[in-house]
Amino acid sequence: MEETSSKASVDKLQEMMEIRKQDHELKKADFEMKDKLNKQHMLETLLAKKEPLSEIEVALKNKLISDMLS
């Protein structure tokens, strides 16, 4: 009887670990998508500026474009 209970506990733990792994993968994908959207928004903001960009802004713009193309 105790062996069956132990087996059920192990199975339950394995199931919980699998759910946690799937949750982690979803959160990772969500973070990556949000990061990509934030970078796109920053690039759009830089490209829409009317006044000339500072050196830092030009460097950021070039890095964002480079990252998007790679």
N, C-alpha and C. Protein backbone atom coordinates (compact mmCIF):
# COMPACT_ATOMS: atom_id res chain seq x y z
N MET A 1 0.83 -1.19 0.00
CA MET A 1 0.00 0.00 0.00
C MET A 1 0.88 1.26 0.00
N GLU A 2 1.91 1.24 0.84
CA GLU A 2 2.79 2.40 0.94
C GLU A 2 3.54 2.62 -0.37
N GLU A 3 3.89 1.53 -1.06
CA GLU A 3 4.60 1.63 -2.34
C GLU A 3 3.71 2.31 -3.38
N THR A 4 2.43 2.00 -3.41
CA THR A 4 1.49 2.63 -4.34
C THR A 4 1.36 4.12 -4.05
N SER A 5 1.28 4.46 -2.78
CA SER A 5 1.18 5.85 -2.37
C SER A 5 2.45 6.62 -2.77
N SER A 6 3.58 5.98 -2.60
CA SER A 6 4.86 6.59 -2.95
C SER A 6 4.94 6.81 -4.46
N LYS A 7 4.50 5.85 -5.23
CA LYS A 7 4.50 5.94 -6.69
C LYS A 7 3.58 7.08 -7.14
N ALA A 8 2.43 7.20 -6.51
CA ALA A 8 1.48 8.25 -6.84
C ALA A 8 2.09 9.62 -6.52
N SER A 9 2.81 9.71 -5.42
CA SER A 9 3.46 10.97 -5.04
C SER A 9 4.53 11.36 -6.06
N VAL A 10 5.31 10.38 -6.48
CA VAL A 10 6.35 10.63 -7.48
C VAL A 10 5.72 11.07 -8.79
N ASP A 11 4.67 10.40 -9.21
CA ASP A 11 3.98 10.76 -10.45
C ASP A 11 3.42 12.18 -10.35
N LYS A 12 2.85 12.51 -9.20
CA LYS A 12 2.29 13.85 -9.01
C LYS A 12 3.40 14.91 -9.06
N LEU A 13 4.53 14.62 -8.45
CA LEU A 13 5.66 15.56 -8.48
C LEU A 13 6.18 15.74 -9.91
N GLN A 14 6.26 14.66 -10.65
CA GLN A 14 6.73 14.75 -12.04
C GLN A 14 5.76 15.59 -12.87
N GLU A 15 4.49 15.39 -12.66
CA GLU A 15 3.47 16.17 -13.36
C GLU A 15 3.59 17.66 -13.02
N MET A 16 3.80 17.94 -11.74
CA MET A 16 3.94 19.33 -11.31
C MET A 16 5.20 19.97 -11.91
N MET A 17 6.28 19.21 -11.97
CA MET A 17 7.52 19.73 -12.56
C MET A 17 7.33 20.02 -14.06
N GLU A 18 6.60 19.18 -14.74
CA GLU A 18 6.33 19.39 -16.16
C GLU A 18 5.49 20.65 -16.38
N ILE A 19 4.50 20.85 -15.53
CA ILE A 19 3.67 22.06 -15.62
C ILE A 19 4.52 23.29 -15.37
N ARG A 20 5.40 23.21 -14.38
CA ARG A 20 6.29 24.33 -14.06
C ARG A 20 7.24 24.63 -15.21
N LYS A 21 7.73 23.59 -15.84
CA LYS A 21 8.63 23.75 -16.99
C LYS A 21 7.89 24.44 -18.14
N GLN A 22 6.67 24.02 -18.41
CA GLN A 22 5.87 24.64 -19.47
C GLN A 22 5.57 26.10 -19.13
N ASP A 23 5.27 26.37 -17.87
CA ASP A 23 5.00 27.75 -17.43
C ASP A 23 6.24 28.61 -17.64
N HIS A 24 7.39 28.07 -17.29
CA HIS A 24 8.65 28.80 -17.47
C HIS A 24 8.89 29.11 -18.95
N GLU A 25 8.66 28.15 -19.81
CA GLU A 25 8.85 28.36 -21.25
C GLU A 25 7.90 29.43 -21.78
N LEU A 26 6.67 29.44 -21.30
CA LEU A 26 5.71 30.46 -21.74
C LEU A 26 6.13 31.84 -21.26
N LYS A 27 6.58 31.93 -20.03
CA LYS A 27 7.03 33.21 -19.49
C LYS A 27 8.26 33.71 -20.23
N LYS A 28 9.15 32.81 -20.57
CA LYS A 28 10.35 33.17 -21.32
C LYS A 28 9.97 33.71 -22.71
N ALA A 29 9.06 33.04 -23.39
CA ALA A 29 8.60 33.50 -24.69
C ALA A 29 7.89 34.85 -24.60
N ASP A 30 7.11 35.02 -23.55
CA ASP A 30 6.41 36.29 -23.32
C ASP A 30 7.41 37.42 -23.10
N PHE A 31 8.42 37.17 -22.28
CA PHE A 31 9.45 38.18 -22.03
C PHE A 31 10.18 38.55 -23.30
N GLU A 32 10.53 37.55 -24.10
CA GLU A 32 11.25 37.81 -25.36
C GLU A 32 10.39 38.64 -26.31
N MET A 33 9.10 38.36 -26.37
CA MET A 33 8.21 39.12 -27.24
C MET A 33 8.08 40.56 -26.75
N LYS A 34 7.93 40.75 -25.44
CA LYS A 34 7.83 42.11 -24.89
C LYS A 34 9.12 42.88 -25.14
N ASP A 35 10.26 42.22 -25.00
CA ASP A 35 11.54 42.86 -25.24
C ASP A 35 11.65 43.30 -26.71
N LYS A 36 11.23 42.45 -27.60
CA LYS A 36 11.26 42.77 -29.03
C LYS A 36 10.34 43.96 -29.34
N LEU A 37 9.16 43.96 -28.76
CA LEU A 37 8.23 45.07 -28.98
C LEU A 37 8.76 46.38 -28.42
N ASN A 38 9.40 46.32 -27.25
CA ASN A 38 9.99 47.52 -26.66
C ASN A 38 11.09 48.09 -27.56
N LYS A 39 11.91 47.21 -28.12
CA LYS A 39 12.98 47.65 -29.01
C LYS A 39 12.40 48.26 -30.29
N GLN A 40 11.35 47.65 -30.82
CA GLN A 40 10.69 48.20 -32.01
C GLN A 40 10.13 49.59 -31.72
N HIS A 41 9.53 49.75 -30.56
CA HIS A 41 8.97 51.05 -30.18
C HIS A 41 10.07 52.10 -30.04
N MET A 42 11.18 51.73 -29.42
CA MET A 42 12.30 52.67 -29.30
C MET A 42 12.80 53.09 -30.67
N LEU A 43 12.92 52.12 -31.59
CA LEU A 43 13.39 52.44 -32.94
C LEU A 43 12.40 53.35 -33.65
N GLU A 44 11.13 53.05 -33.55
CA GLU A 44 10.11 53.89 -34.18
C GLU A 44 10.18 55.32 -33.64
N THR A 45 10.40 55.45 -32.33
CA THR A 45 10.50 56.78 -31.71
C THR A 45 11.71 57.54 -32.27
N LEU A 46 12.84 56.84 -32.37
CA LEU A 46 14.04 57.49 -32.90
C LEU A 46 13.86 57.88 -34.36
N LEU A 47 13.23 57.02 -35.15
CA LEU A 47 13.04 57.31 -36.57
C LEU A 47 12.04 58.45 -36.79
N ALA A 48 11.13 58.63 -35.87
CA ALA A 48 10.09 59.66 -36.02
C ALA A 48 10.54 61.04 -35.54
N LYS A 49 11.69 61.11 -34.87
CA LYS A 49 12.16 62.40 -34.35
C LYS A 49 12.42 63.37 -35.50
N LYS A 50 11.96 64.59 -35.33
CA LYS A 50 12.13 65.63 -36.35
C LYS A 50 13.53 66.26 -36.25
N GLU A 51 13.99 66.51 -35.03
CA GLU A 51 15.29 67.14 -34.85
C GLU A 51 16.40 66.11 -35.02
N PRO A 52 17.61 66.58 -35.30
CA PRO A 52 18.74 65.64 -35.48
C PRO A 52 18.97 64.81 -34.22
N LEU A 53 19.41 63.59 -34.42
CA LEU A 53 19.68 62.69 -33.30
C LEU A 53 21.06 62.97 -32.71
N SER A 54 21.16 62.80 -31.40
CA SER A 54 22.47 62.92 -30.75
C SER A 54 23.31 61.70 -31.12
N GLU A 55 24.58 61.74 -30.78
CA GLU A 55 25.47 60.60 -31.09
C GLU A 55 24.97 59.33 -30.42
N ILE A 56 24.52 59.46 -29.20
CA ILE A 56 24.03 58.29 -28.46
C ILE A 56 22.77 57.73 -29.13
N GLU A 57 21.89 58.62 -29.55
CA GLU A 57 20.66 58.18 -30.22
C GLU A 57 20.97 57.50 -31.55
N VAL A 58 21.94 58.02 -32.30
CA VAL A 58 22.34 57.41 -33.57
C VAL A 58 22.92 56.02 -33.30
N ALA A 59 23.76 55.91 -32.28
CA ALA A 59 24.35 54.61 -31.94
C ALA A 59 23.26 53.62 -31.53
N LEU A 60 22.30 54.07 -30.74
CA LEU A 60 21.20 53.21 -30.32
C LEU A 60 20.37 52.78 -31.53
N LYS A 61 20.07 53.74 -32.40
CA LYS A 61 19.28 53.44 -33.60
C LYS A 61 20.00 52.38 -34.44
N ASN A 62 21.29 52.56 -34.65
CA ASN A 62 22.06 51.60 -35.45
C ASN A 62 22.11 50.22 -34.79
N LYS A 63 22.23 50.19 -33.47
CA LYS A 63 22.25 48.90 -32.76
C LYS A 63 20.89 48.21 -32.86
N LEU A 64 19.82 48.97 -32.70
CA LEU A 64 18.48 48.38 -32.79
C LEU A 64 18.23 47.82 -34.19
N ILE A 65 18.64 48.57 -35.20
CA ILE A 65 18.47 48.09 -36.58
C ILE A 65 19.30 46.83 -36.80
N SER A 66 20.53 46.85 -36.33
CA SER A 66 21.41 45.69 -36.47
C SER A 66 20.82 44.46 -35.78
N ASP A 67 20.30 44.66 -34.57
CA ASP A 67 19.70 43.55 -33.82
C ASP A 67 18.48 42.98 -34.54
N MET A 68 17.69 43.87 -35.14
CA MET A 68 16.49 43.41 -35.82
C MET A 68 16.81 42.61 -37.09
N LEU A 69 17.92 42.95 -37.73
CA LEU A 69 18.29 42.28 -38.98
C LEU A 69 19.06 40.99 -38.75
N SER A 70 19.53 40.77 -37.53
CA SER A 70 20.29 39.54 -37.27
C SER A 70 19.44 38.44 -36.72
